[in-house]
Amino acid sequence: MKRRKHFSPMELAIKIIIGLLSLICIFPFYQTLLISLSRQGDKYTQLVFLYPVHLDISAYKYLINDGKVVNGFLVTVFITVVGTALSLALTIPGAYALTKKQLPGRNLIMNLIIFTMFFSGGLVCPIS
């Protein structure tokens, strides 16, 4: 028979605080979902807190019929798949080559790669 684990008061307080912080972090997403499922005027006239007062999915119908969101999603998936494939296609042969001890300039290349890991260039943004 297994013994039940008893929590100390400090462990219980920590679990309660973490639970409350989790709810505080999740609540804005939940509130946004509720407002998106309510009629447009309900968010100003009535308190949409626990459930949508008048269920309305017209905003989602508009997003799907508009096509811009679906197109943006497809572009994101394409960039992710192609970017990952290109990254793997270039990284795997480079890593294999760097495992060979007799590669000329191996130490210099490794030091340059490690240097860019420690000191990244950041985001290059032109000033307009």
N, C-alpha and C. Protein backbone atom coordinates (compact mmCIF):
# COMPACT_ATOMS: atom_id res chain seq x y z
N MET A 1 0.83 -1.18 0.00
CA MET A 1 0.00 0.00 0.00
C MET A 1 0.88 1.25 0.00
N LYS A 2 0.56 2.19 -0.88
CA LYS A 2 1.36 3.40 -0.97
C LYS A 2 0.94 4.38 0.11
N ARG A 3 1.95 5.06 0.62
CA ARG A 3 1.66 6.11 1.59
C ARG A 3 1.30 7.38 0.87
N ARG A 4 0.37 8.13 1.41
CA ARG A 4 -0.01 9.41 0.84
C ARG A 4 1.05 10.44 1.17
N LYS A 5 1.34 11.26 0.18
CA LYS A 5 2.35 12.29 0.39
C LYS A 5 1.69 13.48 1.07
N HIS A 6 2.29 13.92 2.15
CA HIS A 6 1.77 15.09 2.87
C HIS A 6 2.57 16.31 2.45
N PHE A 7 1.87 17.38 2.18
CA PHE A 7 2.52 18.63 1.78
C PHE A 7 2.76 19.47 3.02
N SER A 8 3.93 20.09 3.04
CA SER A 8 4.20 21.04 4.11
C SER A 8 3.43 22.32 3.80
N PRO A 9 3.22 23.18 4.79
CA PRO A 9 2.51 24.43 4.52
C PRO A 9 3.20 25.30 3.46
N MET A 10 4.52 25.26 3.41
CA MET A 10 5.24 26.06 2.42
C MET A 10 5.00 25.51 1.01
N GLU A 11 5.04 24.18 0.87
CA GLU A 11 4.77 23.58 -0.44
C GLU A 11 3.34 23.88 -0.90
N LEU A 12 2.41 23.83 0.01
CA LEU A 12 1.02 24.14 -0.32
C LEU A 12 0.88 25.61 -0.75
N ALA A 13 1.55 26.51 -0.05
CA ALA A 13 1.50 27.93 -0.41
C ALA A 13 2.11 28.16 -1.79
N ILE A 14 3.22 27.49 -2.08
CA ILE A 14 3.86 27.63 -3.38
C ILE A 14 2.94 27.11 -4.48
N LYS A 15 2.29 25.97 -4.25
CA LYS A 15 1.38 25.42 -5.25
C LYS A 15 0.19 26.34 -5.48
N ILE A 16 -0.32 26.96 -4.45
CA ILE A 16 -1.44 27.89 -4.59
C ILE A 16 -1.00 29.13 -5.37
N ILE A 17 0.17 29.67 -5.04
CA ILE A 17 0.67 30.86 -5.74
C ILE A 17 0.91 30.56 -7.22
N ILE A 18 1.52 29.40 -7.52
CA ILE A 18 1.75 29.04 -8.92
C ILE A 18 0.43 28.84 -9.65
N GLY A 19 -0.56 28.24 -8.99
CA GLY A 19 -1.87 28.07 -9.60
C GLY A 19 -2.52 29.41 -9.91
N LEU A 20 -2.45 30.35 -8.97
CA LEU A 20 -3.04 31.67 -9.20
C LEU A 20 -2.31 32.43 -10.32
N LEU A 21 -0.98 32.33 -10.34
CA LEU A 21 -0.22 32.98 -11.42
C LEU A 21 -0.56 32.36 -12.77
N SER A 22 -0.77 31.04 -12.80
CA SER A 22 -1.17 30.38 -14.05
C SER A 22 -2.52 30.89 -14.52
N LEU A 23 -3.47 31.03 -13.60
CA LEU A 23 -4.79 31.56 -13.97
C LEU A 23 -4.69 32.99 -14.48
N ILE A 24 -3.84 33.79 -13.84
CA ILE A 24 -3.66 35.18 -14.28
C ILE A 24 -3.08 35.21 -15.70
N CYS A 25 -2.20 34.28 -16.03
CA CYS A 25 -1.60 34.26 -17.37
C CYS A 25 -2.59 33.73 -18.41
N ILE A 26 -3.44 32.78 -18.05
CA ILE A 26 -4.37 32.17 -18.99
C ILE A 26 -5.61 33.03 -19.20
N PHE A 27 -6.02 33.79 -18.21
CA PHE A 27 -7.29 34.52 -18.28
C PHE A 27 -7.40 35.47 -19.47
N PRO A 28 -6.38 36.25 -19.85
CA PRO A 28 -6.55 37.13 -21.01
C PRO A 28 -6.87 36.38 -22.30
N PHE A 29 -6.30 35.19 -22.49
CA PHE A 29 -6.62 34.39 -23.67
C PHE A 29 -8.07 33.91 -23.61
N TYR A 30 -8.49 33.48 -22.44
CA TYR A 30 -9.87 33.04 -22.25
C TYR A 30 -10.84 34.19 -22.48
N GLN A 31 -10.53 35.35 -21.97
CA GLN A 31 -11.39 36.53 -22.14
C GLN A 31 -11.48 36.93 -23.62
N THR A 32 -10.38 36.86 -24.34
CA THR A 32 -10.37 37.17 -25.77
C THR A 32 -11.24 36.17 -26.53
N LEU A 33 -11.16 34.91 -26.19
CA LEU A 33 -12.00 33.90 -26.82
C LEU A 33 -13.47 34.17 -26.55
N LEU A 34 -13.82 34.52 -25.31
CA LEU A 34 -15.22 34.82 -24.98
C LEU A 34 -15.73 36.03 -25.75
N ILE A 35 -14.93 37.07 -25.83
CA ILE A 35 -15.35 38.27 -26.55
C ILE A 35 -15.51 37.97 -28.04
N SER A 36 -14.63 37.12 -28.59
CA SER A 36 -14.75 36.80 -30.01
C SER A 36 -15.98 35.96 -30.30
N LEU A 37 -16.49 35.24 -29.32
CA LEU A 37 -17.68 34.42 -29.51
C LEU A 37 -18.96 35.16 -29.15
N SER A 38 -18.88 36.39 -28.69
CA SER A 38 -20.05 37.18 -28.33
C SER A 38 -20.41 38.13 -29.45
N ARG A 39 -21.63 38.66 -29.38
CA ARG A 39 -22.02 39.67 -30.36
C ARG A 39 -21.17 40.91 -30.17
N GLN A 40 -21.11 41.72 -31.21
CA GLN A 40 -20.20 42.87 -31.18
C GLN A 40 -20.54 43.85 -30.06
N GLY A 41 -21.80 44.11 -29.80
CA GLY A 41 -22.16 45.08 -28.79
C GLY A 41 -22.14 44.57 -27.36
N ASP A 42 -22.09 43.24 -27.19
CA ASP A 42 -22.15 42.67 -25.83
C ASP A 42 -20.95 43.04 -24.98
N LYS A 43 -19.80 43.21 -25.59
CA LYS A 43 -18.61 43.51 -24.77
C LYS A 43 -18.68 44.90 -24.16
N TYR A 44 -19.54 45.78 -24.72
CA TYR A 44 -19.69 47.12 -24.17
C TYR A 44 -20.88 47.23 -23.22
N THR A 45 -21.93 46.46 -23.48
CA THR A 45 -23.16 46.62 -22.70
C THR A 45 -23.28 45.62 -21.57
N GLN A 46 -22.72 44.42 -21.72
CA GLN A 46 -22.87 43.39 -20.71
C GLN A 46 -21.49 42.86 -20.33
N LEU A 47 -21.43 42.28 -19.16
CA LEU A 47 -20.17 41.73 -18.67
C LEU A 47 -19.98 40.33 -19.23
N VAL A 48 -19.02 40.17 -20.11
CA VAL A 48 -18.70 38.85 -20.67
C VAL A 48 -17.53 38.33 -19.85
N PHE A 49 -17.85 37.48 -18.86
CA PHE A 49 -16.81 37.05 -17.93
C PHE A 49 -16.61 35.54 -17.94
N LEU A 50 -17.67 34.77 -17.72
CA LEU A 50 -17.54 33.33 -17.64
C LEU A 50 -17.99 32.60 -18.90
N TYR A 51 -18.93 33.17 -19.62
CA TYR A 51 -19.45 32.56 -20.84
C TYR A 51 -20.00 33.66 -21.73
N PRO A 52 -20.06 33.41 -23.04
CA PRO A 52 -20.62 34.43 -23.93
C PRO A 52 -22.12 34.58 -23.70
N VAL A 53 -22.59 35.82 -23.60
CA VAL A 53 -24.00 36.07 -23.30
C VAL A 53 -24.86 35.66 -24.49
N HIS A 54 -24.52 36.11 -25.67
CA HIS A 54 -25.21 35.73 -26.90
C HIS A 54 -24.16 35.15 -27.84
N LEU A 55 -24.23 33.84 -28.06
CA LEU A 55 -23.23 33.17 -28.89
C LEU A 55 -23.34 33.63 -30.34
N ASP A 56 -22.22 34.06 -30.90
CA ASP A 56 -22.20 34.56 -32.28
C ASP A 56 -20.85 34.22 -32.89
N ILE A 57 -20.86 33.45 -33.97
CA ILE A 57 -19.60 33.05 -34.61
C ILE A 57 -19.39 33.77 -35.94
N SER A 58 -20.04 34.90 -36.12
CA SER A 58 -19.92 35.63 -37.39
C SER A 58 -18.50 36.13 -37.63
N ALA A 59 -17.76 36.44 -36.58
CA ALA A 59 -16.37 36.89 -36.75
C ALA A 59 -15.52 35.78 -37.35
N TYR A 60 -15.73 34.56 -36.90
CA TYR A 60 -14.97 33.43 -37.44
C TYR A 60 -15.39 33.12 -38.87
N LYS A 61 -16.68 33.26 -39.18
CA LYS A 61 -17.14 33.07 -40.56
C LYS A 61 -16.47 34.10 -41.47
N TYR A 62 -16.38 35.33 -41.00
CA TYR A 62 -15.74 36.38 -41.80
C TYR A 62 -14.27 36.06 -42.04
N LEU A 63 -13.57 35.61 -41.00
CA LEU A 63 -12.15 35.28 -41.16
C LEU A 63 -11.93 34.16 -42.15
N ILE A 64 -12.77 33.14 -42.11
CA ILE A 64 -12.60 32.01 -43.01
C ILE A 64 -12.97 32.40 -44.44
N ASN A 65 -14.06 33.15 -44.60
CA ASN A 65 -14.49 33.54 -45.94
C ASN A 65 -13.59 34.60 -46.57
N ASP A 66 -12.93 35.42 -45.75
CA ASP A 66 -12.07 36.47 -46.26
C ASP A 66 -10.85 35.90 -46.98
N GLY A 67 -10.29 34.85 -46.46
CA GLY A 67 -9.17 34.18 -47.11
C GLY A 67 -7.81 34.68 -46.71
N LYS A 68 -7.72 35.85 -46.12
CA LYS A 68 -6.40 36.39 -45.76
C LYS A 68 -5.76 35.59 -44.63
N VAL A 69 -6.55 35.16 -43.67
CA VAL A 69 -5.99 34.40 -42.55
C VAL A 69 -5.53 33.03 -43.02
N VAL A 70 -6.34 32.37 -43.85
CA VAL A 70 -5.96 31.07 -44.38
C VAL A 70 -4.71 31.20 -45.24
N ASN A 71 -4.66 32.24 -46.07
CA ASN A 71 -3.48 32.48 -46.91
C ASN A 71 -2.24 32.74 -46.04
N GLY A 72 -2.38 33.54 -45.01
CA GLY A 72 -1.25 33.79 -44.11
C GLY A 72 -0.79 32.53 -43.40
N PHE A 73 -1.74 31.68 -43.03
CA PHE A 73 -1.39 30.41 -42.39
C PHE A 73 -0.61 29.52 -43.35
N LEU A 74 -1.07 29.44 -44.60
CA LEU A 74 -0.39 28.61 -45.59
C LEU A 74 1.01 29.14 -45.90
N VAL A 75 1.18 30.45 -45.95
CA VAL A 75 2.50 31.04 -46.17
C VAL A 75 3.42 30.71 -44.99
N THR A 76 2.89 30.78 -43.78
CA THR A 76 3.68 30.45 -42.59
C THR A 76 4.12 29.00 -42.61
N VAL A 77 3.22 28.09 -42.96
CA VAL A 77 3.57 26.67 -43.03
C VAL A 77 4.63 26.44 -44.11
N PHE A 78 4.47 27.09 -45.27
CA PHE A 78 5.43 26.94 -46.36
C PHE A 78 6.82 27.42 -45.92
N ILE A 79 6.88 28.61 -45.32
CA ILE A 79 8.17 29.15 -44.88
C ILE A 79 8.81 28.25 -43.83
N THR A 80 8.00 27.71 -42.93
CA THR A 80 8.54 26.83 -41.89
C THR A 80 9.10 25.55 -42.49
N VAL A 81 8.35 24.92 -43.38
CA VAL A 81 8.80 23.66 -43.98
C VAL A 81 10.04 23.88 -44.85
N VAL A 82 10.00 24.86 -45.73
CA VAL A 82 11.14 25.11 -46.63
C VAL A 82 12.35 25.58 -45.83
N GLY A 83 12.15 26.44 -44.84
CA GLY A 83 13.27 26.91 -44.03
C GLY A 83 13.92 25.80 -43.24
N THR A 84 13.11 24.91 -42.69
CA THR A 84 13.66 23.77 -41.96
C THR A 84 14.42 22.84 -42.89
N ALA A 85 13.85 22.57 -44.06
CA ALA A 85 14.53 21.68 -45.02
C ALA A 85 15.86 22.28 -45.48
N LEU A 86 15.87 23.58 -45.80
CA LEU A 86 17.13 24.21 -46.22
C LEU A 86 18.15 24.23 -45.08
N SER A 87 17.69 24.51 -43.89
CA SER A 87 18.60 24.53 -42.75
C SER A 87 19.23 23.15 -42.53
N LEU A 88 18.42 22.12 -42.61
CA LEU A 88 18.96 20.77 -42.45
C LEU A 88 19.88 20.40 -43.59
N ALA A 89 19.51 20.79 -44.82
CA ALA A 89 20.33 20.45 -45.98
C ALA A 89 21.70 21.11 -45.92
N LEU A 90 21.82 22.26 -45.29
CA LEU A 90 23.11 22.93 -45.17
C LEU A 90 23.86 22.57 -43.89
N THR A 91 23.14 22.32 -42.82
CA THR A 91 23.78 22.07 -41.53
C THR A 91 24.36 20.66 -41.44
N ILE A 92 23.63 19.67 -41.95
CA ILE A 92 24.10 18.29 -41.81
C ILE A 92 25.42 18.06 -42.55
N PRO A 93 25.58 18.46 -43.80
CA PRO A 93 26.90 18.26 -44.44
C PRO A 93 28.00 19.08 -43.77
N GLY A 94 27.67 20.27 -43.33
CA GLY A 94 28.69 21.08 -42.64
C GLY A 94 29.14 20.45 -41.34
N ALA A 95 28.19 19.91 -40.60
CA ALA A 95 28.55 19.25 -39.34
C ALA A 95 29.37 17.99 -39.60
N TYR A 96 29.00 17.26 -40.65
CA TYR A 96 29.77 16.06 -40.98
C TYR A 96 31.20 16.43 -41.36
N ALA A 97 31.35 17.47 -42.17
CA ALA A 97 32.69 17.88 -42.58
C ALA A 97 33.53 18.32 -41.38
N LEU A 98 32.91 18.98 -40.42
CA LEU A 98 33.67 19.45 -39.25
C LEU A 98 34.06 18.32 -38.30
N THR A 99 33.50 17.13 -38.47
CA THR A 99 33.92 16.01 -37.62
C THR A 99 35.24 15.41 -38.10
N LYS A 100 35.65 15.71 -39.30
CA LYS A 100 36.90 15.16 -39.84
C LYS A 100 38.09 15.97 -39.35
N LYS A 101 39.02 15.29 -38.72
CA LYS A 101 40.19 15.95 -38.12
C LYS A 101 41.12 16.55 -39.17
N GLN A 102 41.19 15.96 -40.37
CA GLN A 102 42.13 16.43 -41.38
C GLN A 102 41.58 17.55 -42.25
N LEU A 103 40.44 18.11 -41.93
CA LEU A 103 39.86 19.21 -42.71
C LEU A 103 40.71 20.47 -42.51
N PRO A 104 41.22 21.06 -43.60
CA PRO A 104 42.02 22.28 -43.46
C PRO A 104 41.14 23.44 -42.97
N GLY A 105 41.61 24.17 -41.98
CA GLY A 105 40.88 25.31 -41.43
C GLY A 105 39.74 24.93 -40.51
N ARG A 106 39.73 23.67 -40.06
CA ARG A 106 38.65 23.19 -39.20
C ARG A 106 38.54 23.99 -37.92
N ASN A 107 39.65 24.27 -37.27
CA ASN A 107 39.62 25.01 -36.01
C ASN A 107 39.11 26.44 -36.21
N LEU A 108 39.52 27.08 -37.29
CA LEU A 108 39.05 28.43 -37.58
C LEU A 108 37.54 28.45 -37.81
N ILE A 109 37.04 27.50 -38.61
CA ILE A 109 35.60 27.44 -38.87
C ILE A 109 34.83 27.18 -37.58
N MET A 110 35.33 26.23 -36.77
CA MET A 110 34.64 25.93 -35.50
C MET A 110 34.65 27.15 -34.58
N ASN A 111 35.77 27.86 -34.51
CA ASN A 111 35.83 29.05 -33.67
C ASN A 111 34.89 30.15 -34.17
N LEU A 112 34.76 30.30 -35.48
CA LEU A 112 33.83 31.28 -36.02
C LEU A 112 32.38 30.92 -35.70
N ILE A 113 32.06 29.63 -35.81
CA ILE A 113 30.69 29.19 -35.48
C ILE A 113 30.40 29.41 -34.00
N ILE A 114 31.34 29.05 -33.15
CA ILE A 114 31.14 29.23 -31.71
C ILE A 114 31.06 30.71 -31.35
N PHE A 115 31.88 31.54 -32.02
CA PHE A 115 31.84 32.98 -31.77
C PHE A 115 30.46 33.55 -32.08
N THR A 116 29.87 33.13 -33.22
CA THR A 116 28.54 33.65 -33.56
C THR A 116 27.47 33.12 -32.61
N MET A 117 27.71 31.99 -31.96
CA MET A 117 26.76 31.51 -30.95
C MET A 117 26.79 32.41 -29.72
N PHE A 118 27.97 32.81 -29.32
CA PHE A 118 28.09 33.64 -28.12
C PHE A 118 27.68 35.08 -28.38
N PHE A 119 28.10 35.62 -29.51
CA PHE A 119 27.84 37.03 -29.83
C PHE A 119 27.02 37.11 -31.12
N SER A 120 25.72 37.01 -30.98
CA SER A 120 24.88 37.01 -32.19
C SER A 120 24.80 38.43 -32.75
N GLY A 121 24.52 38.50 -34.05
CA GLY A 121 24.40 39.79 -34.73
C GLY A 121 23.11 40.49 -34.39
N GLY A 122 22.13 39.78 -33.88
CA GLY A 122 20.85 40.39 -33.58
C GLY A 122 20.06 40.62 -34.85
N LEU A 123 19.05 41.41 -34.75
CA LEU A 123 18.20 41.70 -35.89
C LEU A 123 18.75 42.93 -36.61
N VAL A 124 19.02 42.76 -37.88
CA VAL A 124 19.52 43.88 -38.69
C VAL A 124 18.30 44.57 -39.28
N CYS A 125 18.12 45.83 -38.91
CA CYS A 125 16.94 46.57 -39.36
C CYS A 125 17.39 47.90 -39.95
N PRO A 126 17.07 48.15 -41.21
CA PRO A 126 17.48 49.43 -41.81
C PRO A 126 16.68 50.57 -41.22
N ILE A 127 17.32 51.71 -41.08
CA ILE A 127 16.65 52.90 -40.57
C ILE A 127 15.98 53.60 -41.73
N SER A 128 14.67 53.85 -41.58
CA SER A 128 13.97 54.49 -42.69
C SER A 128 13.63 55.93 -42.37
